[in-house]
C-alpha cells in the first residue's frame, strides 16, 4: 500500500511539471515514475487525482484525448485549445512536436 501511495505521489509530481502548451502520455509518466507498464494505473490516478493538476495535458500514446476526462473529450479539447494546442477528431495536432518527454532532454 505504501508503494501505491509513493507511485501516486510521483505521478502527481510529474504531472505538475508538464509545461503549458505541451502534453504527455500515460505511459511516459508511468515510465518516468519507474513503472513503465503501469499506464492504466496512471489513468486511474488522473481520474481520481488532485483536481488542481493539469490533467488535460495527459493523452494516450497516439495523442488521443481521454474518453474518461471529466466533462468528456470536448472539455479536454477546450482546455488544450486555451493553451494553443489544437485537436482534430479528438487527436492532438503535432503531437510528437509538443510531447513532453524530459528523458529526451
C-alpha atoms as a PDB file:
ATOM      1  CA  UNK A   1       0.000   0.000   0.000  1.00  0.00           C
ATOM      2  CA  UNK A   2       2.828   2.354   0.841  1.00  0.00           C
ATOM      3  CA  UNK A   3       4.348   1.847  -2.635  1.00  0.00           C
ATOM      4  CA  UNK A   4       0.963   2.667  -4.236  1.00  0.00           C
ATOM      5  CA  UNK A   5       0.931   5.947  -2.357  1.00  0.00           C
ATOM      6  CA  UNK A   6       4.506   6.687  -3.394  1.00  0.00           C
ATOM      7  CA  UNK A   7       3.692   5.938  -7.040  1.00  0.00           C
ATOM      8  CA  UNK A   8       0.620   8.200  -6.940  1.00  0.00           C
ATOM      9  CA  UNK A   9       2.677  10.971  -5.365  1.00  0.00           C
ATOM     10  CA  UNK A  10       5.391  10.620  -8.032  1.00  0.00           C
ATOM     11  CA  UNK A  11       2.809  10.721 -10.856  1.00  0.00           C
ATOM     12  CA  UNK A  12       1.265  13.851  -9.383  1.00  0.00           C
ATOM     13  CA  UNK A  13       4.722  15.452  -9.025  1.00  0.00           C
ATOM     14  CA  UNK A  14       5.481  14.702 -12.671  1.00  0.00           C
ATOM     15  CA  UNK A  15       2.094  15.909 -13.882  1.00  0.00           C
ATOM     16  CA  UNK A  16       2.676  19.214 -12.118  1.00  0.00           C
ATOM     17  CA  UNK A  17       5.835  19.660 -14.243  1.00  0.00           C
ATOM     18  CA  UNK A  18       4.193  19.273 -17.669  1.00  0.00           C
ATOM     19  CA  UNK A  19       4.609  22.713 -19.226  1.00  0.00           C
ATOM     20  CA  UNK A  20       1.804  24.894 -20.522  1.00  0.00           C
ATOM     21  CA  UNK A  21       1.354  24.172 -24.231  1.00  0.00           C
ATOM     22  CA  UNK A  22       2.680  20.617 -24.045  1.00  0.00           C
ATOM     23  CA  UNK A  23       1.192  17.173 -23.438  1.00  0.00           C
ATOM     24  CA  UNK A  24       2.451  13.867 -22.112  1.00  0.00           C
ATOM     25  CA  UNK A  25       1.178  10.294 -22.156  1.00  0.00           C
ATOM     26  CA  UNK A  26       0.081   7.815 -19.540  1.00  0.00           C
ATOM     27  CA  UNK A  27       2.988   5.578 -20.492  1.00  0.00           C
ATOM     28  CA  UNK A  28       5.516   8.398 -20.395  1.00  0.00           C
ATOM     29  CA  UNK A  29       4.513   9.261 -16.829  1.00  0.00           C
ATOM     30  CA  UNK A  30       4.490   5.611 -15.771  1.00  0.00           C
ATOM     31  CA  UNK A  31       7.989   5.141 -17.167  1.00  0.00           C
ATOM     32  CA  UNK A  32       9.314   8.299 -15.578  1.00  0.00           C
ATOM     33  CA  UNK A  33       7.894   7.107 -12.256  1.00  0.00           C
ATOM     34  CA  UNK A  34       9.734   3.791 -12.607  1.00  0.00           C
ATOM     35  CA  UNK A  35       6.834   1.528 -13.601  1.00  0.00           C
ATOM     36  CA  UNK A  36       6.769   1.530 -17.405  1.00  0.00           C
ATOM     37  CA  UNK A  37       3.890  -0.960 -17.601  1.00  0.00           C
ATOM     38  CA  UNK A  38       1.577   0.991 -15.300  1.00  0.00           C
ATOM     39  CA  UNK A  39      -0.100   3.321 -17.808  1.00  0.00           C
ATOM     40  CA  UNK A  40      -3.593   2.123 -16.820  1.00  0.00           C
ATOM     41  CA  UNK A  41      -2.812   2.893 -13.196  1.00  0.00           C
ATOM     42  CA  UNK A  42      -1.769   6.396 -14.277  1.00  0.00           C
ATOM     43  CA  UNK A  43      -5.197   6.726 -15.896  1.00  0.00           C
ATOM     44  CA  UNK A  44      -6.861   5.875 -12.602  1.00  0.00           C
ATOM     45  CA  UNK A  45      -4.685   8.343 -10.749  1.00  0.00           C
ATOM     46  CA  UNK A  46      -5.590  11.013 -13.302  1.00  0.00           C
ATOM     47  CA  UNK A  47      -9.286  10.330 -12.913  1.00  0.00           C
ATOM     48  CA  UNK A  48      -9.250  10.480  -9.111  1.00  0.00           C
ATOM     49  CA  UNK A  49      -6.121  12.576  -8.500  1.00  0.00           C
ATOM     50  CA  UNK A  50      -5.557  16.111  -7.349  1.00  0.00           C
ATOM     51  CA  UNK A  51      -8.025  18.225  -9.376  1.00  0.00           C
ATOM     52  CA  UNK A  52      -5.656  21.199  -9.307  1.00  0.00           C
ATOM     53  CA  UNK A  53      -3.160  19.458 -11.606  1.00  0.00           C
ATOM     54  CA  UNK A  54      -3.238  19.940 -15.402  1.00  0.00           C
ATOM     55  CA  UNK A  55      -4.685  16.502 -16.217  1.00  0.00           C
ATOM     56  CA  UNK A  56      -5.994  17.872 -19.524  1.00  0.00           C
ATOM     57  CA  UNK A  57      -2.374  17.676 -20.757  1.00  0.00           C
ATOM     58  CA  UNK A  58      -2.435  13.876 -20.390  1.00  0.00           C
ATOM     59  CA  UNK A  59      -3.201  11.929 -23.583  1.00  0.00           C
ATOM     60  CA  UNK A  60      -2.808   8.418 -24.913  1.00  0.00           C
ATOM     61  CA  UNK A  61       0.234   7.169 -26.809  1.00  0.00           C
ATOM     62  CA  UNK A  62      -1.260   8.325 -30.110  1.00  0.00           C
ATOM     63  CA  UNK A  63      -2.086  11.824 -28.863  1.00  0.00           C
ATOM     64  CA  UNK A  64      -5.714  10.887 -28.343  1.00  0.00           C
ATOM     65  CA  UNK A  65      -7.901  12.619 -25.801  1.00  0.00           C
ATOM     66  CA  UNK A  66      -9.277  10.737 -22.799  1.00  0.00           C
ATOM     67  CA  UNK A  67     -12.800   9.334 -23.036  1.00  0.00           C
ATOM     68  CA  UNK A  68     -12.967   9.389 -19.235  1.00  0.00           C
ATOM     69  CA  UNK A  69     -11.912  13.017 -18.864  1.00  0.00           C
ATOM     70  CA  UNK A  70     -14.264  14.952 -16.565  1.00  0.00           C
ATOM     71  CA  UNK A  71     -16.634  16.647 -18.995  1.00  0.00           C
ATOM     72  CA  UNK A  72     -15.547  14.367 -21.843  1.00  0.00           C
ATOM     73  CA  UNK A  73     -13.166  14.771 -24.726  1.00  0.00           C
ATOM     74  CA  UNK A  74     -14.788  18.066 -25.733  1.00  0.00           C
ATOM     75  CA  UNK A  75     -13.939  19.588 -22.341  1.00  0.00           C
ATOM     76  CA  UNK A  76     -10.355  18.336 -22.597  1.00  0.00           C
ATOM     77  CA  UNK A  77     -10.063  19.735 -26.138  1.00  0.00           C
ATOM     78  CA  UNK A  78     -11.325  23.136 -24.958  1.00  0.00           C
ATOM     79  CA  UNK A  79      -8.742  23.278 -22.166  1.00  0.00           C
ATOM     80  CA  UNK A  80      -5.975  22.329 -24.589  1.00  0.00           C
ATOM     81  CA  UNK A  81      -7.176  24.934 -27.103  1.00  0.00           C
ATOM     82  CA  UNK A  82      -6.809  27.575 -24.379  1.00  0.00           C
ATOM     83  CA  UNK A  83      -3.108  26.664 -24.328  1.00  0.00           C
ATOM     84  CA  UNK A  84      -2.776  26.830 -28.101  1.00  0.00           C
ATOM     85  CA  UNK A  85      -2.937  23.062 -28.581  1.00  0.00           C
ATOM     86  CA  UNK A  86      -5.256  22.141 -31.433  1.00  0.00           C
ATOM     87  CA  UNK A  87      -7.108  18.865 -31.754  1.00  0.00           C
ATOM     88  CA  UNK A  88      -8.791  17.249 -34.736  1.00  0.00           C
ATOM     89  CA  UNK A  89     -11.148  14.310 -34.213  1.00  0.00           C
ATOM     90  CA  UNK A  90     -10.004  14.110 -30.583  1.00  0.00           C
ATOM     91  CA  UNK A  91      -6.318  13.791 -31.539  1.00  0.00           C
ATOM     92  CA  UNK A  92      -3.672  16.390 -30.636  1.00  0.00           C
ATOM     93  CA  UNK A  93      -2.257  18.029 -33.759  1.00  0.00           C
ATOM     94  CA  UNK A  94       1.554  17.954 -33.927  1.00  0.00           C
ATOM     95  CA  UNK A  95       1.560  15.520 -31.023  1.00  0.00           C
ATOM     96  CA  UNK A  96       5.193  14.420 -31.326  1.00  0.00           C
ATOM     97  CA  UNK A  97       6.416  18.020 -31.511  1.00  0.00           C
ATOM     98  CA  UNK A  98       4.656  19.115 -28.308  1.00  0.00           C
ATOM     99  CA  UNK A  99       5.064  15.873 -26.360  1.00  0.00           C
ATOM    100  CA  UNK A 100       6.794  16.495 -23.043  1.00  0.00           C
ATOM    101  CA  UNK A 101       9.459  13.860 -22.545  1.00  0.00           C
ATOM    102  CA  UNK A 102      12.159  15.144 -20.220  1.00  0.00           C
ATOM    103  CA  UNK A 103      14.109  11.915 -20.727  1.00  0.00           C
ATOM    104  CA  UNK A 104      14.884  13.150 -24.251  1.00  0.00           C
ATOM    105  CA  UNK A 105      16.300  16.432 -22.981  1.00  0.00           C
END
